[in-house]
Amino acid sequence: MSRIVFNNVSLKLRIYKDQGLTIKEAFVNMFKKSRYSENKHDLWVLKNINIEINKGDRLGIIGLNGAGKSTFLKLISKIYTPTEGTIDVSGKVVPLIELGAGFNPELTGRENIYLNGAILGFTKKQMQEIESKIIDFSELNEFIDMPIKYYSTGMYGRLAFAVATEVDADILLIDEIFAGGDVNFIDKAVKRMNNLIDNANIVVMVSHSLDLIKEMCNRCIVIGNHAIMYDGTPDNSINFYLNHCKDGSI
């Protein structure tokens, strides 16, 4: 049975202040321990998160920029490991997060299909079975054997979307998905997304579009001040969020 359980989960990230240093300055600072330690600090992104997400949940996540919404998805997909606590995930996870992040610009579109498939845990044989579907959906047939460094932004986005959404998911993670391309491509991309959401056991969606959260979700959490501030129906959660945005307590 598909399920996600956060047990007292906290995540701490190390932040470095001197991100504008030259290579030479960074190298010198490595030997100046006192200054080097002063230029970094630990930041708790999320603290003491407890939540259970079950089959049938279409969970929306809302909050201000930097609240930890995308981080929440990355914890589920194991991009990040909790500093404290545990996360139990039952079911096949497909993260639609930073589409195309694993692409190699020197490889062709076809080669990147197999590269991304391997990253997602699929065998070469499995990818061979869906290769033609991915290419047809992306509408890149005549460009598929061209290195993707020559692709336009729209072409890149279409291929990334086609690869990521050709697989079935028990648990679907969505983070502000944008499908590049013309009106016809966007229309069929939306239809595919709706089909994926309908067929997934669990959907967890981050979006700044409150109307989309109302339309697609049956449950919504508000993340703020490093914690889950509210968990309820989309309407109630959105009202809570807007009210607390006004009074500055989120």
C-alpha atoms as a PDB file:
ATOM      1  CA  MET A   1       0.000   0.000   0.000  1.00  0.00           C
ATOM      2  CA  SER A   2       1.315   3.455  -0.924  1.00  0.00           C
ATOM      3  CA  ARG A   3       2.151   5.607   2.086  1.00  0.00           C
ATOM      4  CA  ILE A   4       4.542   8.335   3.246  1.00  0.00           C
ATOM      5  CA  VAL A   5       5.267   8.860   6.942  1.00  0.00           C
ATOM      6  CA  PHE A   6       7.470  11.612   8.410  1.00  0.00           C
ATOM      7  CA  ASN A   7       8.535  10.841  11.992  1.00  0.00           C
ATOM      8  CA  ASN A   8       9.991  13.920  13.782  1.00  0.00           C
ATOM      9  CA  VAL A   9      11.908  14.918  10.672  1.00  0.00           C
ATOM     10  CA  SER A  10      14.284  17.872  10.726  1.00  0.00           C
ATOM     11  CA  LEU A  11      16.729  19.019   8.056  1.00  0.00           C
ATOM     12  CA  LYS A  12      19.731  21.251   8.621  1.00  0.00           C
ATOM     13  CA  LEU A  13      21.738  22.668   5.713  1.00  0.00           C
ATOM     14  CA  ARG A  14      25.128  24.369   5.842  1.00  0.00           C
ATOM     15  CA  ILE A  15      25.168  27.856   4.335  1.00  0.00           C
ATOM     16  CA  TYR A  16      28.378  29.549   3.168  1.00  0.00           C
ATOM     17  CA  LYS A  17      28.486  33.357   3.143  1.00  0.00           C
ATOM     18  CA  ASP A  18      31.479  33.882   0.841  1.00  0.00           C
ATOM     19  CA  GLN A  19      29.878  32.521  -2.297  1.00  0.00           C
ATOM     20  CA  GLY A  20      31.507  35.284  -4.370  1.00  0.00           C
ATOM     21  CA  LEU A  21      35.079  34.343  -3.478  1.00  0.00           C
ATOM     22  CA  THR A  22      37.604  33.609  -6.190  1.00  0.00           C
ATOM     23  CA  ILE A  23      39.197  30.162  -6.262  1.00  0.00           C
ATOM     24  CA  LYS A  24      42.399  31.668  -4.861  1.00  0.00           C
ATOM     25  CA  GLU A  25      40.566  33.373  -1.955  1.00  0.00           C
ATOM     26  CA  ALA A  26      38.616  30.216  -1.137  1.00  0.00           C
ATOM     27  CA  PHE A  27      41.854  28.193  -1.120  1.00  0.00           C
ATOM     28  CA  VAL A  28      43.581  30.680   1.184  1.00  0.00           C
ATOM     29  CA  ASN A  29      40.589  30.713   3.551  1.00  0.00           C
ATOM     30  CA  MET A  30      40.802  26.946   3.951  1.00  0.00           C
ATOM     31  CA  PHE A  31      44.000  27.555   5.945  1.00  0.00           C
ATOM     32  CA  LYS A  32      42.490  30.349   8.015  1.00  0.00           C
ATOM     33  CA  LYS A  33      40.295  28.177  10.168  1.00  0.00           C
ATOM     34  CA  SER A  34      38.844  30.918  12.328  1.00  0.00           C
ATOM     35  CA  ARG A  35      37.739  33.064   9.388  1.00  0.00           C
ATOM     36  CA  TYR A  36      36.585  30.041   7.420  1.00  0.00           C
ATOM     37  CA  SER A  37      34.339  28.913  10.270  1.00  0.00           C
ATOM     38  CA  GLU A  38      32.914  32.425  10.608  1.00  0.00           C
ATOM     39  CA  ASN A  39      31.802  32.377   6.986  1.00  0.00           C
ATOM     40  CA  LYS A  40      29.502  29.417   7.334  1.00  0.00           C
ATOM     41  CA  HIS A  41      26.502  28.633   9.463  1.00  0.00           C
ATOM     42  CA  ASP A  42      23.905  25.929   9.807  1.00  0.00           C
ATOM     43  CA  LEU A  43      20.291  26.636   8.902  1.00  0.00           C
ATOM     44  CA  TRP A  44      17.348  24.535  10.000  1.00  0.00           C
ATOM     45  CA  VAL A  45      15.139  24.377   6.905  1.00  0.00           C
ATOM     46  CA  LEU A  46      12.479  22.114   8.432  1.00  0.00           C
ATOM     47  CA  LYS A  47      12.007  21.119  12.068  1.00  0.00           C
ATOM     48  CA  ASN A  48       9.991  18.383  13.779  1.00  0.00           C
ATOM     49  CA  ILE A  49       7.851  17.450  10.793  1.00  0.00           C
ATOM     50  CA  ASN A  50       5.246  14.790  11.532  1.00  0.00           C
ATOM     51  CA  ILE A  51       2.779  13.828   8.825  1.00  0.00           C
ATOM     52  CA  GLU A  52       1.204  10.733   7.291  1.00  0.00           C
ATOM     53  CA  ILE A  53       0.172  10.771   3.625  1.00  0.00           C
ATOM     54  CA  ASN A  54      -1.958   7.845   2.488  1.00  0.00           C
ATOM     55  CA  LYS A  55      -3.402   6.339  -0.676  1.00  0.00           C
ATOM     56  CA  GLY A  56      -5.959   8.669  -2.206  1.00  0.00           C
ATOM     57  CA  ASP A  57      -4.333  11.835  -0.856  1.00  0.00           C
ATOM     58  CA  ARG A  58      -3.799  14.672  -3.327  1.00  0.00           C
ATOM     59  CA  LEU A  59      -1.694  16.843  -1.045  1.00  0.00           C
ATOM     60  CA  GLY A  60      -0.984  20.461  -1.927  1.00  0.00           C
ATOM     61  CA  ILE A  61       1.868  22.344  -0.282  1.00  0.00           C
ATOM     62  CA  ILE A  62       1.789  26.135  -0.028  1.00  0.00           C
ATOM     63  CA  GLY A  63       3.956  28.729   1.685  1.00  0.00           C
ATOM     64  CA  LEU A  64       6.214  31.688   1.062  1.00  0.00           C
ATOM     65  CA  ASN A  65       9.371  31.439  -1.047  1.00  0.00           C
ATOM     66  CA  GLY A  66      12.109  29.711   0.924  1.00  0.00           C
ATOM     67  CA  ALA A  67       9.691  28.102   3.374  1.00  0.00           C
ATOM     68  CA  GLY A  68      10.904  24.574   2.573  1.00  0.00           C
ATOM     69  CA  LYS A  69       8.194  23.369   0.176  1.00  0.00           C
ATOM     70  CA  SER A  70      10.526  21.979  -2.483  1.00  0.00           C
ATOM     71  CA  THR A  71      12.800  20.655   0.247  1.00  0.00           C
ATOM     72  CA  PHE A  72       9.848  18.623   1.543  1.00  0.00           C
ATOM     73  CA  LEU A  73       9.580  16.898  -1.863  1.00  0.00           C
ATOM     74  CA  LYS A  74      13.330  16.338  -2.041  1.00  0.00           C
ATOM     75  CA  LEU A  75      13.217  14.560   1.311  1.00  0.00           C
ATOM     76  CA  ILE A  76      10.544  12.190  -0.005  1.00  0.00           C
ATOM     77  CA  SER A  77      12.551  11.498  -3.170  1.00  0.00           C
ATOM     78  CA  LYS A  78      15.768  10.993  -1.113  1.00  0.00           C
ATOM     79  CA  ILE A  79      17.638  13.861  -2.741  1.00  0.00           C
ATOM     80  CA  TYR A  80      18.115  15.046   0.856  1.00  0.00           C
ATOM     81  CA  THR A  81      18.573  12.854   3.920  1.00  0.00           C
ATOM     82  CA  PRO A  82      16.977  14.019   7.194  1.00  0.00           C
ATOM     83  CA  THR A  83      19.337  15.396   9.820  1.00  0.00           C
ATOM     84  CA  GLU A  84      16.985  14.007  12.452  1.00  0.00           C
ATOM     85  CA  GLY A  85      14.026  11.628  12.329  1.00  0.00           C
ATOM     86  CA  THR A  86      12.953   9.113   9.698  1.00  0.00           C
ATOM     87  CA  ILE A  87      10.873   9.036   6.529  1.00  0.00           C
ATOM     88  CA  ASP A  88       9.105   5.812   5.547  1.00  0.00           C
ATOM     89  CA  VAL A  89       7.994   5.620   1.919  1.00  0.00           C
ATOM     90  CA  SER A  90       6.018   2.690   0.498  1.00  0.00           C
ATOM     91  CA  GLY A  91       5.524   2.748  -3.260  1.00  0.00           C
ATOM     92  CA  LYS A  92       7.335   3.737  -6.445  1.00  0.00           C
ATOM     93  CA  VAL A  93       8.177   7.453  -6.387  1.00  0.00           C
ATOM     94  CA  VAL A  94       8.354   9.539  -9.573  1.00  0.00           C
ATOM     95  CA  PRO A  95       9.637  13.058  -8.832  1.00  0.00           C
ATOM     96  CA  LEU A  96       8.734  15.745 -11.368  1.00  0.00           C
ATOM     97  CA  ILE A  97      11.299  18.062  -9.812  1.00  0.00           C
ATOM     98  CA  GLU A  98      13.833  20.141 -11.756  1.00  0.00           C
ATOM     99  CA  LEU A  99      13.037  18.353 -15.004  1.00  0.00           C
ATOM    100  CA  GLY A 100      16.092  17.661 -17.108  1.00  0.00           C
ATOM    101  CA  ALA A 101      18.515  18.303 -14.245  1.00  0.00           C
ATOM    102  CA  GLY A 102      20.256  15.011 -15.027  1.00  0.00           C
ATOM    103  CA  PHE A 103      20.701  15.740 -18.743  1.00  0.00           C
ATOM    104  CA  ASN A 104      24.213  15.871 -20.208  1.00  0.00           C
ATOM    105  CA  PRO A 105      24.417  18.661 -22.826  1.00  0.00           C
ATOM    106  CA  GLU A 106      27.129  16.838 -24.782  1.00  0.00           C
ATOM    107  CA  LEU A 107      24.914  13.773 -25.326  1.00  0.00           C
ATOM    108  CA  THR A 108      22.146  13.482 -27.894  1.00  0.00           C
ATOM    109  CA  GLY A 109      18.482  13.567 -27.023  1.00  0.00           C
ATOM    110  CA  ARG A 110      18.278   9.804 -27.489  1.00  0.00           C
ATOM    111  CA  GLU A 111      21.296   9.182 -25.249  1.00  0.00           C
ATOM    112  CA  ASN A 112      19.825  11.432 -22.580  1.00  0.00           C
ATOM    113  CA  ILE A 113      16.614   9.400 -22.635  1.00  0.00           C
ATOM    114  CA  TYR A 114      18.604   6.355 -21.533  1.00  0.00           C
ATOM    115  CA  LEU A 115      20.714   8.367 -19.090  1.00  0.00           C
ATOM    116  CA  ASN A 116      17.623   9.732 -17.348  1.00  0.00           C
ATOM    117  CA  GLY A 117      16.025   6.298 -17.399  1.00  0.00           C
ATOM    118  CA  ALA A 118      19.039   4.882 -15.567  1.00  0.00           C
ATOM    119  CA  ILE A 119      18.836   7.697 -12.991  1.00  0.00           C
ATOM    120  CA  LEU A 120      15.171   6.812 -12.439  1.00  0.00           C
ATOM    121  CA  GLY A 121      16.146   3.157 -11.918  1.00  0.00           C
ATOM    122  CA  PHE A 122      14.996   1.644 -15.223  1.00  0.00           C
ATOM    123  CA  THR A 123      16.891  -0.984 -17.211  1.00  0.00           C
ATOM    124  CA  LYS A 124      18.025  -0.481 -20.798  1.00  0.00           C
ATOM    125  CA  LYS A 125      15.403  -2.977 -21.939  1.00  0.00           C
ATOM    126  CA  GLN A 126      12.640  -1.084 -20.151  1.00  0.00           C
ATOM    127  CA  MET A 127      13.741   2.171 -21.755  1.00  0.00           C
ATOM    128  CA  GLN A 128      13.880   0.556 -25.200  1.00  0.00           C
ATOM    129  CA  GLU A 129      10.211  -0.334 -24.816  1.00  0.00           C
ATOM    130  CA  ILE A 130       9.187   3.288 -24.265  1.00  0.00           C
ATOM    131  CA  GLU A 131      11.855   5.112 -26.277  1.00  0.00           C
ATOM    132  CA  SER A 132       9.673   5.671 -29.351  1.00  0.00           C
ATOM    133  CA  LYS A 133       6.763   6.899 -27.185  1.00  0.00           C
ATOM    134  CA  ILE A 134       9.016   9.473 -25.533  1.00  0.00           C
ATOM    135  CA  ILE A 135      10.362  10.720 -28.859  1.00  0.00           C
ATOM    136  CA  ASP A 136       6.920  10.922 -30.449  1.00  0.00           C
ATOM    137  CA  PHE A 137       5.447  12.800 -27.488  1.00  0.00           C
ATOM    138  CA  SER A 138       8.320  15.291 -27.429  1.00  0.00           C
ATOM    139  CA  GLU A 139       7.872  15.946 -31.174  1.00  0.00           C
ATOM    140  CA  LEU A 140      11.669  15.911 -31.576  1.00  0.00           C
ATOM    141  CA  ASN A 141      11.980  13.060 -34.089  1.00  0.00           C
ATOM    142  CA  GLU A 142      14.285  14.898 -36.482  1.00  0.00           C
ATOM    143  CA  PHE A 143      16.402  16.359 -33.666  1.00  0.00           C
ATOM    144  CA  ILE A 144      16.633  13.354 -31.344  1.00  0.00           C
ATOM    145  CA  ASP A 145      20.171  12.394 -32.426  1.00  0.00           C
ATOM    146  CA  MET A 146      21.488  15.949 -32.052  1.00  0.00           C
ATOM    147  CA  PRO A 147      23.436  16.928 -28.892  1.00  0.00           C
ATOM    148  CA  ILE A 148      20.971  18.708 -26.623  1.00  0.00           C
ATOM    149  CA  LYS A 149      23.336  21.642 -26.117  1.00  0.00           C
ATOM    150  CA  TYR A 150      21.944  22.806 -29.465  1.00  0.00           C
ATOM    151  CA  TYR A 151      18.311  22.504 -28.311  1.00  0.00           C
ATOM    152  CA  SER A 152      16.193  25.556 -27.671  1.00  0.00           C
ATOM    153  CA  THR A 153      14.725  25.992 -24.194  1.00  0.00           C
ATOM    154  CA  GLY A 154      11.372  24.719 -25.471  1.00  0.00           C
ATOM    155  CA  MET A 155      12.907  21.610 -27.087  1.00  0.00           C
ATOM    156  CA  TYR A 156      14.855  20.847 -23.906  1.00  0.00           C
ATOM    157  CA  GLY A 157      11.741  21.227 -21.783  1.00  0.00           C
ATOM    158  CA  ARG A 158       9.645  19.026 -24.063  1.00  0.00           C
ATOM    159  CA  LEU A 159      12.167  16.189 -23.938  1.00  0.00           C
ATOM    160  CA  ALA A 160      12.568  16.465 -20.162  1.00  0.00           C
ATOM    161  CA  PHE A 161       8.797  16.428 -19.665  1.00  0.00           C
ATOM    162  CA  ALA A 162       8.324  13.476 -22.044  1.00  0.00           C
ATOM    163  CA  VAL A 163      10.977  11.371 -20.273  1.00  0.00           C
ATOM    164  CA  ALA A 164       9.745  12.159 -16.759  1.00  0.00           C
ATOM    165  CA  THR A 165       6.072  11.511 -17.483  1.00  0.00           C
ATOM    166  CA  GLU A 166       6.255   8.332 -19.554  1.00  0.00           C
ATOM    167  CA  VAL A 167       6.563   6.187 -16.420  1.00  0.00           C
ATOM    168  CA  ASP A 168       3.813   5.075 -14.068  1.00  0.00           C
ATOM    169  CA  ALA A 169       3.975   6.229 -10.459  1.00  0.00           C
ATOM    170  CA  ASP A 170       2.535   5.054  -7.169  1.00  0.00           C
ATOM    171  CA  ILE A 171       3.654   8.335  -5.624  1.00  0.00           C
ATOM    172  CA  LEU A 172       3.851  11.408  -7.862  1.00  0.00           C
ATOM    173  CA  LEU A 173       5.786  14.480  -6.706  1.00  0.00           C
ATOM    174  CA  ILE A 174       5.125  17.700  -8.638  1.00  0.00           C
ATOM    175  CA  ASP A 175       7.036  20.960  -8.221  1.00  0.00           C
ATOM    176  CA  GLU A 176       5.796  23.898 -10.333  1.00  0.00           C
ATOM    177  CA  ILE A 177       5.872  21.933 -13.592  1.00  0.00           C
ATOM    178  CA  PHE A 178       6.142  23.998 -16.769  1.00  0.00           C
ATOM    179  CA  ALA A 179       5.890  22.332 -20.173  1.00  0.00           C
ATOM    180  CA  GLY A 180       7.752  24.276 -22.843  1.00  0.00           C
ATOM    181  CA  GLY A 181       6.398  24.385 -26.357  1.00  0.00           C
ATOM    182  CA  ASP A 182       3.566  25.689 -28.458  1.00  0.00           C
ATOM    183  CA  VAL A 183      -0.106  25.711 -27.516  1.00  0.00           C
ATOM    184  CA  ASN A 184      -0.747  22.224 -28.901  1.00  0.00           C
ATOM    185  CA  PHE A 185       2.124  20.705 -26.933  1.00  0.00           C
ATOM    186  CA  ILE A 186       1.092  22.419 -23.707  1.00  0.00           C
ATOM    187  CA  ASP A 187      -2.462  21.158 -24.191  1.00  0.00           C
ATOM    188  CA  LYS A 188      -1.393  17.528 -24.509  1.00  0.00           C
ATOM    189  CA  ALA A 189       1.110  17.974 -21.655  1.00  0.00           C
ATOM    190  CA  VAL A 190      -1.719  19.099 -19.368  1.00  0.00           C
ATOM    191  CA  LYS A 191      -3.790  16.082 -20.419  1.00  0.00           C
ATOM    192  CA  ARG A 192      -0.879  13.767 -19.637  1.00  0.00           C
ATOM    193  CA  MET A 193      -0.392  15.388 -16.229  1.00  0.00           C
ATOM    194  CA  ASN A 194      -4.070  14.916 -15.424  1.00  0.00           C
ATOM    195  CA  ASN A 195      -3.831  11.267 -16.438  1.00  0.00           C
ATOM    196  CA  LEU A 196      -0.745  10.737 -14.258  1.00  0.00           C
ATOM    197  CA  ILE A 197      -2.473  12.347 -11.295  1.00  0.00           C
ATOM    198  CA  ASP A 198      -5.612  10.245 -11.814  1.00  0.00           C
ATOM    199  CA  ASN A 199      -3.605   7.012 -11.897  1.00  0.00           C
ATOM    200  CA  ALA A 200      -1.194   7.708  -9.022  1.00  0.00           C
ATOM    201  CA  ASN A 201      -2.040   6.457  -5.547  1.00  0.00           C
ATOM    202  CA  ILE A 202      -0.569   9.561  -3.907  1.00  0.00           C
ATOM    203  CA  VAL A 203       0.136  13.005  -5.348  1.00  0.00           C
ATOM    204  CA  VAL A 204       2.178  15.651  -3.514  1.00  0.00           C
ATOM    205  CA  MET A 205       2.142  19.001  -5.303  1.00  0.00           C
ATOM    206  CA  VAL A 206       3.972  22.269  -4.645  1.00  0.00           C
ATOM    207  CA  SER A 207       2.462  25.292  -6.353  1.00  0.00           C
ATOM    208  CA  HIS A 208       2.099  29.046  -5.939  1.00  0.00           C
ATOM    209  CA  SER A 209      -1.170  28.817  -7.854  1.00  0.00           C
ATOM    210  CA  LEU A 210      -3.839  28.620  -5.161  1.00  0.00           C
ATOM    211  CA  ASP A 211      -6.499  27.984  -7.800  1.00  0.00           C
ATOM    212  CA  LEU A 212      -4.542  24.938  -9.020  1.00  0.00           C
ATOM    213  CA  ILE A 213      -4.287  23.631  -5.447  1.00  0.00           C
ATOM    214  CA  LYS A 214      -8.062  23.979  -5.063  1.00  0.00           C
ATOM    215  CA  GLU A 215      -8.682  22.220  -8.368  1.00  0.00           C
ATOM    216  CA  MET A 216      -6.213  19.329  -8.052  1.00  0.00           C
ATOM    217  CA  CYS A 217      -5.954  18.580  -4.319  1.00  0.00           C
ATOM    218  CA  ASN A 218      -8.178  17.179  -1.581  1.00  0.00           C
ATOM    219  CA  ARG A 219      -5.792  18.134   1.232  1.00  0.00           C
ATOM    220  CA  CYS A 220      -3.308  20.962   1.754  1.00  0.00           C
ATOM    221  CA  ILE A 221      -0.583  21.865   4.212  1.00  0.00           C
ATOM    222  CA  VAL A 222       0.890  25.285   4.921  1.00  0.00           C
ATOM    223  CA  ILE A 223       4.641  25.337   5.558  1.00  0.00           C
ATOM    224  CA  GLY A 224       6.115  28.306   7.410  1.00  0.00           C
ATOM    225  CA  ASN A 225       8.574  29.021  10.215  1.00  0.00           C
ATOM    226  CA  HIS A 226      10.304  25.695   9.400  1.00  0.00           C
ATOM    227  CA  ALA A 227       7.184  23.691  10.299  1.00  0.00           C
ATOM    228  CA  ILE A 228       3.774  22.526   9.129  1.00  0.00           C
ATOM    229  CA  MET A 229       1.543  25.332  10.369  1.00  0.00           C
ATOM    230  CA  TYR A 230      -1.766  23.966   9.085  1.00  0.00           C
ATOM    231  CA  ASP A 231      -3.116  20.724   7.617  1.00  0.00           C
ATOM    232  CA  GLY A 232      -6.654  20.607   6.280  1.00  0.00           C
ATOM    233  CA  THR A 233      -8.879  21.025   3.250  1.00  0.00           C
ATOM    234  CA  PRO A 234      -7.524  23.242   0.443  1.00  0.00           C
ATOM    235  CA  ASP A 235     -10.086  25.972   1.192  1.00  0.00           C
ATOM    236  CA  ASN A 236      -9.312  26.093   4.910  1.00  0.00           C
ATOM    237  CA  SER A 237      -5.549  25.882   4.377  1.00  0.00           C
ATOM    238  CA  ILE A 238      -5.572  28.675   1.810  1.00  0.00           C
ATOM    239  CA  ASN A 239      -7.638  30.901   4.105  1.00  0.00           C
ATOM    240  CA  PHE A 240      -5.194  30.219   6.943  1.00  0.00           C
ATOM    241  CA  TYR A 241      -2.254  31.021   4.656  1.00  0.00           C
ATOM    242  CA  LEU A 242      -3.685  34.290   3.335  1.00  0.00           C
ATOM    243  CA  ASN A 243      -4.716  35.491   6.792  1.00  0.00           C
ATOM    244  CA  HIS A 244      -1.298  34.785   8.273  1.00  0.00           C
ATOM    245  CA  CYS A 245       0.451  36.406   5.311  1.00  0.00           C
ATOM    246  CA  LYS A 246      -1.456  39.583   6.118  1.00  0.00           C
ATOM    247  CA  ASP A 247      -0.477  39.617   9.788  1.00  0.00           C
ATOM    248  CA  GLY A 248       3.137  38.650   9.041  1.00  0.00           C
ATOM    249  CA  SER A 249       3.152  35.566  11.264  1.00  0.00           C
ATOM    250  CA  ILE A 250       4.171  33.174   8.487  1.00  0.00           C
END
